[in-house]
Amino acid sequence: MPEIGEVARIVHYLHEHLVGKTLSFVKAQHDDNVFGKVGTSAAEVEKALTGKKVVGAKQQGKYFWLVMSSPPHPLFHFGMAGWWNIHNHETAYYKPTKPTEPVWPPKYWKLLLGTDPSCSDPSDTAHAFVDFRRFGRIRLVDCPAQEMRNVSPLKENGPDPVVDKDILTEDWLIQKLQSKHVPVKALLLDQANISGIGNWVGDELLYDAKVHPEQYSNTLTPAQMTQLHKSIHYVCSTAVELKAESDQFPEHWLFKWRWGKGKKDNPKMLPNGERIKFLTVGGRTSAIVPSVQKKTGEVAKDVDGEEEEKPKKTKGKKAAVKEEDGDEAETDDEVGAPKRKKSKKIEATEDEVSISDSKPSKPARRRRQAVKEDADNAAPPNQHNGTSSGIQGELPERRKIKGKPAEDSETKSKAPRMQKAAKQPQATPDVKEETSGRRRSARVSEAAKS
């Protein structure tokens, strides 16, 4: 997600290429997310901006807006993957791995602006707001230009570390930290507290301040809070001054070495040998150097000995891009081996056992034999009465077999089976039933002989 430095980069280009010019052509492509979710529409934007002059461009954190010659003023937020393209001018803060032929208007455009008086077609425009994920927002704010930061949504956002240095003082930050009991990184990412700090900026300034991201904000020492204040201004000011040109970031910054998490044979490590690990804070993937960022107070959870997250197998295009910033749910469709279904042990009822003509399984035979041996050893011969113990006479006390109750299902079903066989002196005409009766009689005889 574009953060304070990336947004400052676009504001810089707007001053160079758009401020002072009149919008002769405005074309908006309606999107229920980009326009609709903030109460406007493509038609309203076209009508409000066409023919007006752009007199300025300003920023507060991750928001930026164009100051028009008269209200309303368009307010923009890039969301997860939005950006501002300028025809025949490179604005990206990173170089794509596979260069492509420039196409205009660009794919996924939501708003096109033309300043040439002869412009009458989208291909003649010079500026484009693009967003393939549709998490960006374009709205119209109807108020005087100097009141923009005093109306929603800007008034609900905290001070900008660069624009509002006189507000974000050390005393202000200490009071904010001590007033909340939340992980310090979660506090920094909350735009209601401070505007413009996103995932990578938050990790960078916490690393610079040597503060553990999960430590509760109100447990930081006075020295840690003082250093955190310095780190906020240092990291944010540097990112803005360099217009988010990562190639120019200091070599000791975590940003230079944190990327590529989960790739094989690519352990995350700083040049000095300190290992980078990853954990989740407030739903966001956070980079941390445990040897530097020590826990000095209560934390949300322990990460001692935590291993680096393993890469997950993902399904094709659905998980092609994984953003570290947690403003959007990450698509981690894991594809693993199919799980085996646990077999359910089904105990037969007494009626089912009595009509069964299948041969008993080996475990059942072993249990029956063990019960018989226990009965022979436990009861006197004259109590057997010519039959196996457990059919007639008092049932002897038996030990548990393989952790199962002494009175197992085999023994319970045996007596009713014998009694049922005794009640049927004649076989039915049915051949199957006759065969079943003979087999039952044979089993009764075998039991009697034993």
Protein backbone atom coordinates (compact mmCIF):
# COMPACT_ATOMS: atom_id res chain seq x y z
CA MET A 1 0.00 0.00 0.00
CA PRO A 2 1.28 3.50 -0.82
CA GLU A 3 2.25 5.20 2.44
CA ILE A 4 3.39 8.67 3.42
CA GLY A 5 6.45 8.68 1.13
CA GLU A 6 4.69 7.28 -1.93
CA VAL A 7 1.79 9.74 -1.61
CA ALA A 8 4.28 12.61 -1.25
CA ARG A 9 5.85 11.44 -4.51
CA ILE A 10 2.56 11.86 -6.38
CA VAL A 11 1.86 15.26 -4.81
CA HIS A 12 5.30 16.31 -6.07
CA TYR A 13 4.44 15.23 -9.64
CA LEU A 14 1.04 16.93 -9.45
CA HIS A 15 2.75 20.21 -8.64
CA GLU A 16 5.05 19.70 -11.61
CA HIS A 17 2.53 18.58 -14.22
CA LEU A 18 -1.00 19.59 -13.21
CA VAL A 19 -1.16 22.55 -10.82
CA GLY A 20 -1.90 25.79 -12.67
CA LYS A 21 -3.70 24.07 -15.54
CA THR A 22 -7.39 23.91 -16.45
CA LEU A 23 -9.17 20.58 -16.79
CA SER A 24 -10.60 20.70 -20.30
CA PHE A 25 -11.53 17.02 -20.35
CA VAL A 26 -12.66 14.81 -17.44
CA LYS A 27 -13.73 11.22 -17.90
CA ALA A 28 -14.69 8.97 -14.99
CA GLN A 29 -15.48 5.28 -15.19
CA HIS A 30 -18.08 4.54 -12.56
CA ASP A 31 -17.14 1.97 -9.95
CA ASP A 32 -19.40 1.12 -7.03
CA ASN A 33 -16.36 0.71 -4.79
CA VAL A 34 -14.11 3.57 -5.83
CA PHE A 35 -16.89 6.17 -6.14
CA GLY A 36 -20.03 4.61 -4.74
CA LYS A 37 -18.73 3.67 -1.29
CA VAL A 38 -17.92 7.31 -0.53
CA GLY A 39 -21.21 8.72 -1.71
CA THR A 40 -20.40 10.01 -5.16
CA SER A 41 -20.55 8.85 -8.76
CA ALA A 42 -18.56 9.13 -11.97
CA ALA A 43 -21.08 11.55 -13.48
CA GLU A 44 -20.90 13.87 -10.45
CA VAL A 45 -17.09 13.93 -10.60
CA GLU A 46 -17.10 14.74 -14.31
CA LYS A 47 -19.58 17.57 -13.84
CA ALA A 48 -17.78 19.03 -10.79
CA LEU A 49 -14.28 19.14 -12.29
CA THR A 50 -14.70 19.90 -15.98
CA GLY A 51 -13.58 23.41 -16.88
CA LYS A 52 -12.05 24.18 -13.48
CA LYS A 53 -8.46 25.19 -12.78
CA VAL A 54 -6.19 23.22 -10.46
CA VAL A 55 -4.60 25.74 -8.08
CA GLY A 56 -2.85 23.36 -5.67
CA ALA A 57 -2.18 19.83 -4.43
CA LYS A 58 -1.95 18.88 -0.75
CA GLN A 59 -1.45 15.85 1.47
CA GLN A 60 -2.34 14.52 4.89
CA GLY A 61 -0.85 11.10 5.52
CA LYS A 62 -2.24 8.67 2.95
CA TYR A 63 -4.81 11.16 1.63
CA PHE A 64 -4.13 13.79 -1.04
CA TRP A 65 -6.35 16.24 -2.86
CA LEU A 66 -6.48 18.77 -5.64
CA VAL A 67 -7.32 22.32 -4.69
CA MET A 68 -9.68 23.57 -7.37
CA SER A 69 -10.54 27.14 -8.33
CA SER A 70 -13.87 26.60 -6.56
CA PRO A 71 -15.47 23.81 -4.49
CA PRO A 72 -15.93 20.89 -4.50
CA HIS A 73 -12.40 19.52 -4.31
CA PRO A 74 -11.52 15.92 -5.27
CA LEU A 75 -10.01 13.90 -2.42
CA PHE A 76 -8.07 10.71 -3.22
CA HIS A 77 -6.92 7.62 -1.36
CA PHE A 78 -4.91 4.90 -3.12
CA GLY A 79 -6.12 2.02 -0.97
CA MET A 80 -4.08 -1.16 -1.45
CA ALA A 81 -2.80 -0.77 -5.00
CA GLY A 82 -4.05 2.49 -6.48
CA TRP A 83 -1.70 4.88 -8.29
CA TRP A 84 -1.50 8.03 -10.39
CA ASN A 85 -0.14 7.73 -13.93
CA ILE A 86 1.06 10.62 -16.11
CA HIS A 87 1.21 10.14 -19.87
CA ASN A 88 4.80 9.85 -21.15
CA HIS A 89 6.20 10.28 -17.66
CA GLU A 90 7.27 7.57 -15.21
CA THR A 91 5.75 8.01 -11.76
CA ALA A 92 6.23 4.54 -10.29
CA TYR A 93 8.44 4.28 -7.22
CA TYR A 94 9.59 0.80 -8.24
CA LYS A 95 10.77 -0.74 -11.48
CA PRO A 96 8.69 -3.63 -12.80
CA THR A 97 10.60 -6.88 -13.31
CA LYS A 98 9.09 -7.28 -16.78
CA PRO A 99 8.89 -3.98 -18.69
CA THR A 100 5.78 -3.65 -20.81
CA GLU A 101 4.84 -1.41 -23.69
CA PRO A 102 3.15 1.76 -22.43
CA VAL A 103 -0.58 1.81 -23.16
CA TRP A 104 -2.81 4.88 -22.85
CA PRO A 105 -5.28 5.15 -21.35
CA PRO A 106 -3.82 2.65 -18.88
CA LYS A 107 -5.62 -0.50 -17.92
CA TYR A 108 -7.84 -0.28 -14.80
CA TRP A 109 -8.22 3.49 -15.05
CA LYS A 110 -10.97 5.06 -12.96
CA LEU A 111 -10.44 8.78 -13.70
CA LEU A 112 -8.84 10.53 -16.67
CA LEU A 113 -7.89 14.22 -16.75
CA GLY A 114 -6.95 16.22 -19.83
CA THR A 115 -5.52 19.75 -19.84
CA ASP A 116 -5.02 20.37 -23.54
CA PRO A 117 -7.84 22.54 -24.94
CA SER A 118 -8.03 20.27 -27.97
CA CYS A 119 -8.43 17.17 -25.81
CA SER A 120 -11.65 15.39 -26.68
CA ASP A 121 -10.79 11.73 -26.31
CA PRO A 122 -9.44 9.53 -23.47
CA SER A 123 -6.32 8.85 -25.55
CA ASP A 124 -5.53 12.58 -25.44
CA THR A 125 -5.62 12.85 -21.65
CA ALA A 126 -2.49 13.30 -19.54
CA HIS A 127 -3.42 12.03 -16.06
CA ALA A 128 -5.04 8.83 -14.84
CA PHE A 129 -6.06 7.44 -11.45
CA VAL A 130 -5.73 3.63 -11.72
CA ASP A 131 -6.67 0.87 -9.31
CA PHE A 132 -6.90 -2.78 -10.29
CA ARG A 133 -7.92 -3.89 -6.79
CA ARG A 134 -10.64 -1.26 -6.43
CA PHE A 135 -9.79 -0.39 -2.82
CA GLY A 136 -8.95 3.19 -3.75
CA ARG A 137 -11.43 6.01 -3.14
CA ILE A 138 -12.36 9.21 -5.02
CA ARG A 139 -14.77 11.60 -3.36
CA LEU A 140 -15.86 15.23 -3.64
CA VAL A 141 -15.55 17.50 -0.61
CA ASP A 142 -17.72 20.59 -0.83
CA CYS A 143 -16.05 23.14 1.42
CA PRO A 144 -13.60 26.04 1.19
CA ALA A 145 -10.07 24.86 0.37
CA GLN A 146 -8.66 26.03 3.70
CA GLU A 147 -11.27 23.96 5.57
CA MET A 148 -10.47 20.62 3.93
CA ARG A 149 -8.69 19.25 7.00
CA ASN A 150 -11.52 20.30 9.28
CA VAL A 151 -14.18 18.13 7.61
CA SER A 152 -14.57 14.37 7.23
CA PRO A 153 -12.70 12.22 6.59
CA LEU A 154 -9.54 14.25 7.22
CA LYS A 155 -10.63 15.59 10.59
CA GLU A 156 -10.86 12.05 11.96
CA ASN A 157 -7.22 11.40 11.06
CA GLY A 158 -4.26 12.20 13.27
CA PRO A 159 -1.42 14.63 12.51
CA ASP A 160 0.95 14.08 9.60
CA PRO A 161 4.54 13.53 10.90
CA VAL A 162 5.98 15.80 8.18
CA VAL A 163 3.26 18.39 7.61
CA ASP A 164 2.35 18.70 11.31
CA LYS A 165 5.73 18.61 13.07
CA ASP A 166 4.58 21.36 15.40
CA ILE A 167 1.68 19.15 16.56
CA LEU A 168 3.42 15.77 16.75
CA THR A 169 5.81 16.79 19.49
CA GLU A 170 7.55 14.54 22.01
CA ASP A 171 5.09 15.49 24.76
CA TRP A 172 2.14 14.84 22.47
CA LEU A 173 3.47 11.38 21.56
CA ILE A 174 4.22 10.43 25.19
CA GLN A 175 0.69 11.37 26.21
CA LYS A 176 -0.74 9.34 23.31
CA LEU A 177 1.36 6.26 24.14
CA GLN A 178 0.53 6.34 27.84
CA SER A 179 -3.18 6.80 27.24
CA LYS A 180 -3.58 3.49 25.42
CA HIS A 181 -2.92 -0.16 26.26
CA VAL A 182 -2.36 -1.60 22.79
CA PRO A 183 0.67 -3.03 20.93
CA VAL A 184 2.78 -0.06 19.92
CA LYS A 185 2.74 -0.97 16.23
CA ALA A 186 -1.06 -1.19 16.23
CA LEU A 187 -1.15 2.32 17.69
CA LEU A 188 1.17 3.65 15.00
CA LEU A 189 -0.82 2.05 12.17
CA ASP A 190 -4.10 3.51 13.40
CA GLN A 191 -4.60 6.56 11.18
CA ALA A 192 -6.77 8.15 13.87
CA ASN A 193 -3.59 8.52 15.94
CA ILE A 194 -0.97 9.42 13.32
CA SER A 195 -1.54 9.84 9.58
CA GLY A 196 0.61 8.22 6.92
CA ILE A 197 2.36 5.40 8.80
CA GLY A 198 1.76 2.06 7.10
CA ASN A 199 3.27 -1.38 7.46
CA TRP A 200 6.80 -0.91 6.16
CA VAL A 201 7.20 2.57 7.66
CA GLY A 202 5.96 1.27 11.02
CA ASP A 203 8.47 -1.60 10.97
CA GLU A 204 11.28 0.73 9.92
CA LEU A 205 10.81 3.31 12.65
CA LEU A 206 10.32 0.63 15.35
CA TYR A 207 13.56 -1.01 14.25
CA ASP A 208 15.31 2.36 14.33
CA ALA A 209 13.91 2.99 17.83
CA LYS A 210 14.83 -0.55 18.99
CA VAL A 211 11.26 -1.14 20.17
CA HIS A 212 9.45 -4.46 19.98
CA PRO A 213 6.25 -4.04 17.88
CA GLU A 214 4.11 -6.11 20.25
CA GLN A 215 5.05 -4.31 23.44
CA TYR A 216 2.14 -2.40 24.91
CA SER A 217 2.42 1.33 24.30
CA ASN A 218 1.97 2.32 27.95
CA THR A 219 4.82 0.05 29.08
CA LEU A 220 7.57 1.82 27.11
CA THR A 221 10.26 3.50 29.15
CA PRO A 222 10.76 7.30 28.94
CA ALA A 223 13.95 6.71 26.94
CA GLN A 224 12.13 4.46 24.48
CA MET A 225 9.36 7.02 23.95
CA THR A 226 11.88 9.78 23.35
CA GLN A 227 13.74 7.66 20.81
CA LEU A 228 10.49 6.59 19.14
CA HIS A 229 9.57 10.24 18.61
CA LYS A 230 12.94 10.87 16.92
CA SER A 231 12.58 7.74 14.77
CA ILE A 232 9.09 8.70 13.57
CA HIS A 233 10.31 12.04 12.28
CA TYR A 234 13.56 10.62 10.89
CA VAL A 235 12.00 7.76 8.88
CA CYS A 236 8.96 9.72 7.64
CA SER A 237 10.95 12.82 6.69
CA THR A 238 13.57 10.76 4.86
CA ALA A 239 10.92 8.81 2.90
CA VAL A 240 9.18 12.05 1.88
CA GLU A 241 12.37 13.90 0.97
CA LEU A 242 13.51 11.00 -1.23
CA LYS A 243 10.00 10.70 -2.72
CA ALA A 244 9.97 7.01 -1.76
CA GLU A 245 12.90 6.21 -4.07
CA SER A 246 13.92 3.03 -2.31
CA ASP A 247 17.22 2.85 -4.19
CA GLN A 248 18.26 5.97 -2.28
CA PHE A 249 17.21 4.73 1.16
CA PRO A 250 20.07 4.25 3.66
CA GLU A 251 21.73 0.85 3.40
CA HIS A 252 21.18 0.10 7.07
CA TRP A 253 17.41 0.42 6.74
CA LEU A 254 15.34 -2.71 7.26
CA PHE A 255 13.48 -1.86 4.04
CA LYS A 256 16.50 -2.87 1.95
CA TRP A 257 16.60 -6.43 3.27
CA ARG A 258 13.12 -7.43 4.41
CA TRP A 259 11.50 -8.41 1.12
CA GLY A 260 11.15 -11.89 -0.38
CA LYS A 261 9.84 -13.50 2.80
CA GLY A 262 9.32 -17.23 2.42
CA LYS A 263 11.49 -17.76 -0.64
CA LYS A 264 13.73 -20.82 -0.59
CA ASP A 265 17.43 -20.35 0.05
CA ASN A 266 16.77 -16.72 0.88
CA PRO A 267 17.14 -16.23 4.63
CA LYS A 268 16.29 -12.68 5.65
CA MET A 269 19.39 -11.17 7.19
CA LEU A 270 20.94 -7.74 7.57
CA PRO A 271 24.48 -7.09 6.28
CA ASN A 272 25.78 -7.29 9.85
CA GLY A 273 24.45 -10.83 10.21
CA GLU A 274 21.41 -10.01 12.34
CA ARG A 275 18.49 -12.20 11.37
CA ILE A 276 15.10 -10.80 10.34
CA LYS A 277 12.02 -12.66 11.53
CA PHE A 278 8.35 -12.17 10.81
CA LEU A 279 5.34 -12.15 13.08
CA THR A 280 1.79 -10.91 12.91
CA VAL A 281 0.72 -7.82 14.86
CA GLY A 282 -2.86 -6.68 14.53
CA GLY A 283 -3.36 -8.81 11.44
CA ARG A 284 -0.29 -7.37 9.66
CA THR A 285 2.92 -9.15 8.77
CA SER A 286 5.71 -7.44 10.68
CA ALA A 287 9.46 -7.64 10.13
CA ILE A 288 11.49 -7.69 13.33
CA VAL A 289 15.15 -8.07 14.33
CA PRO A 290 14.92 -9.87 17.71
CA SER A 291 18.54 -9.19 18.59
CA VAL A 292 17.85 -5.44 18.40
CA GLN A 293 14.20 -5.05 19.34
CA LYS A 294 14.15 -6.38 22.88
CA LYS A 295 11.03 -6.67 25.01
CA THR A 296 11.29 -4.41 28.05
CA GLY A 297 7.67 -4.66 29.18
CA GLU A 298 4.39 -6.47 28.72
CA VAL A 299 3.76 -7.67 25.18
CA ALA A 300 0.72 -8.98 23.36
CA LYS A 301 2.32 -12.41 23.00
CA ASP A 302 5.72 -14.05 23.16
CA VAL A 303 7.68 -14.67 19.98
CA ASP A 304 10.81 -16.12 21.53
CA GLY A 305 12.07 -18.91 19.35
CA GLU A 306 9.45 -18.20 16.73
CA GLU A 307 10.47 -19.58 13.37
CA GLU A 308 10.17 -17.76 10.13
CA GLU A 309 6.85 -18.37 8.46
CA LYS A 310 6.91 -21.09 5.85
CA PRO A 311 5.59 -20.30 2.39
CA LYS A 312 2.14 -21.58 1.66
CA LYS A 313 1.14 -23.29 -1.54
CA THR A 314 -1.39 -21.18 -3.35
CA LYS A 315 -3.87 -21.71 -6.15
CA GLY A 316 -2.86 -20.08 -9.39
CA LYS A 317 -3.91 -16.52 -10.05
CA LYS A 318 -6.05 -16.14 -6.93
CA ALA A 319 -2.97 -15.70 -4.76
CA ALA A 320 -0.60 -14.14 -7.28
CA VAL A 321 0.04 -11.01 -5.23
CA LYS A 322 0.30 -10.92 -1.46
CA GLU A 323 0.44 -7.51 0.15
CA GLU A 324 2.10 -7.16 3.54
CA ASP A 325 -0.20 -4.40 4.65
CA GLY A 326 -3.26 -5.93 6.27
CA ASP A 327 -5.92 -3.53 5.03
CA GLU A 328 -7.15 -6.36 2.88
CA ALA A 329 -7.55 -10.00 3.77
CA GLU A 330 -4.64 -11.96 2.31
CA THR A 331 -5.42 -14.79 -0.12
CA ASP A 332 -3.60 -17.80 1.24
CA ASP A 333 -5.52 -20.72 -0.23
CA GLU A 334 -3.38 -23.53 1.00
CA VAL A 335 -3.33 -26.66 -1.11
CA GLY A 336 -2.30 -29.68 0.86
CA ALA A 337 -2.67 -33.40 0.61
CA PRO A 338 -6.28 -34.53 1.04
CA LYS A 339 -6.99 -35.48 4.61
CA ARG A 340 -7.95 -39.07 5.32
CA LYS A 341 -11.41 -39.54 6.67
CA LYS A 342 -11.44 -41.03 10.10
CA SER A 343 -13.16 -44.39 10.05
CA LYS A 344 -16.07 -44.64 12.43
CA LYS A 345 -16.32 -47.76 14.54
CA ILE A 346 -19.89 -49.02 14.25
CA GLU A 347 -21.09 -51.31 16.99
CA ALA A 348 -23.65 -53.85 15.84
CA THR A 349 -26.87 -54.28 17.75
CA GLU A 350 -27.76 -57.58 19.38
CA ASP A 351 -30.23 -58.41 16.61
CA GLU A 352 -27.61 -57.76 13.93
CA VAL A 353 -25.10 -59.95 15.73
CA SER A 354 -27.61 -62.81 16.08
CA ILE A 355 -28.31 -63.03 12.34
CA SER A 356 -24.73 -62.48 11.24
CA ASP A 357 -23.15 -65.44 9.50
CA SER A 358 -19.76 -63.88 8.91
CA LYS A 359 -16.60 -65.18 10.51
CA PRO A 360 -15.54 -63.15 13.60
CA SER A 361 -12.58 -60.86 13.09
CA LYS A 362 -9.19 -61.68 14.60
CA PRO A 363 -9.42 -59.05 17.39
CA ALA A 364 -12.86 -60.38 18.33
CA ARG A 365 -11.52 -63.97 18.47
CA ARG A 366 -8.58 -62.87 20.59
CA ARG A 367 -10.86 -61.07 23.03
CA ARG A 368 -13.17 -64.09 23.22
CA GLN A 369 -10.23 -66.41 23.89
CA ALA A 370 -8.90 -64.09 26.61
CA VAL A 371 -12.32 -63.94 28.28
CA LYS A 372 -12.54 -67.73 28.19
CA GLU A 373 -9.09 -68.19 29.73
CA ASP A 374 -9.87 -65.68 32.48
CA ALA A 375 -13.14 -67.44 33.25
CA ASP A 376 -11.43 -70.84 33.44
CA ASN A 377 -8.82 -69.52 35.83
CA ALA A 378 -11.26 -67.58 38.02
CA ALA A 379 -14.24 -69.98 38.54
CA PRO A 380 -14.25 -73.54 40.16
CA PRO A 381 -14.92 -76.46 37.75
CA ASN A 382 -18.27 -77.39 39.32
CA GLN A 383 -19.64 -73.93 38.55
CA HIS A 384 -19.06 -74.30 34.83
CA ASN A 385 -21.81 -76.89 34.65
CA GLY A 386 -20.61 -78.19 31.32
CA THR A 387 -20.85 -74.82 29.65
CA SER A 388 -18.62 -71.91 29.13
CA SER A 389 -18.62 -69.29 31.90
CA GLY A 390 -20.51 -66.21 30.83
CA ILE A 391 -23.43 -68.26 29.39
CA GLN A 392 -24.70 -69.97 32.53
CA GLY A 393 -23.80 -69.43 36.14
CA GLU A 394 -22.39 -66.35 37.71
CA LEU A 395 -20.12 -64.34 35.44
CA PRO A 396 -16.60 -64.33 36.90
CA GLU A 397 -14.73 -61.09 37.44
CA ARG A 398 -12.53 -60.34 34.47
CA ARG A 399 -9.67 -57.99 33.83
CA LYS A 400 -9.84 -55.15 31.29
CA ILE A 401 -8.45 -56.02 27.88
CA LYS A 402 -6.46 -53.36 25.98
CA GLY A 403 -8.00 -50.50 27.93
CA LYS A 404 -11.60 -51.61 27.19
CA PRO A 405 -14.26 -52.36 29.83
CA ALA A 406 -14.30 -55.90 31.11
CA GLU A 407 -17.83 -56.47 29.80
CA ASP A 408 -17.14 -56.00 26.11
CA SER A 409 -19.68 -56.01 23.34
CA GLU A 410 -18.73 -59.54 22.19
CA THR A 411 -19.61 -61.09 25.56
CA LYS A 412 -22.76 -58.98 25.90
CA SER A 413 -24.07 -60.11 22.54
CA LYS A 414 -23.13 -63.79 23.07
CA ALA A 415 -25.79 -64.72 25.67
CA PRO A 416 -28.74 -63.23 23.78
CA ARG A 417 -27.52 -64.99 20.67
CA MET A 418 -27.50 -68.40 22.42
CA GLN A 419 -30.90 -67.81 23.96
CA LYS A 420 -32.35 -66.84 20.62
CA ALA A 421 -30.96 -69.95 19.02
CA ALA A 422 -32.52 -72.08 21.79
CA LYS A 423 -35.96 -70.56 21.20
CA GLN A 424 -35.91 -71.63 17.55
CA PRO A 425 -36.04 -75.44 17.51
CA GLN A 426 -37.16 -75.61 13.90
CA ALA A 427 -35.52 -73.89 10.94
CA THR A 428 -37.65 -71.76 8.68
CA PRO A 429 -38.26 -72.76 5.05
CA ASP A 430 -35.99 -69.98 3.94
CA VAL A 431 -32.69 -71.51 2.86
CA LYS A 432 -30.63 -68.59 4.06
CA GLU A 433 -32.32 -68.60 7.47
CA GLU A 434 -31.83 -72.42 7.74
CA THR A 435 -28.13 -72.10 6.98
CA SER A 436 -27.84 -69.31 9.53
CA GLY A 437 -29.57 -71.44 12.17
CA ARG A 438 -27.22 -74.37 11.56
CA ARG A 439 -24.23 -72.17 12.00
CA ARG A 440 -25.60 -70.76 15.23
CA SER A 441 -26.24 -74.25 16.52
CA ALA A 442 -22.71 -75.25 15.62
CA ARG A 443 -21.32 -72.31 17.57
CA VAL A 444 -23.48 -73.19 20.59
CA SER A 445 -22.20 -76.77 20.45
CA GLU A 446 -18.60 -75.63 20.24
CA ALA A 447 -19.14 -73.37 23.21
CA ALA A 448 -20.73 -76.19 25.22
CA LYS A 449 -17.82 -78.54 24.51
CA SER A 450 -15.29 -75.98 25.68
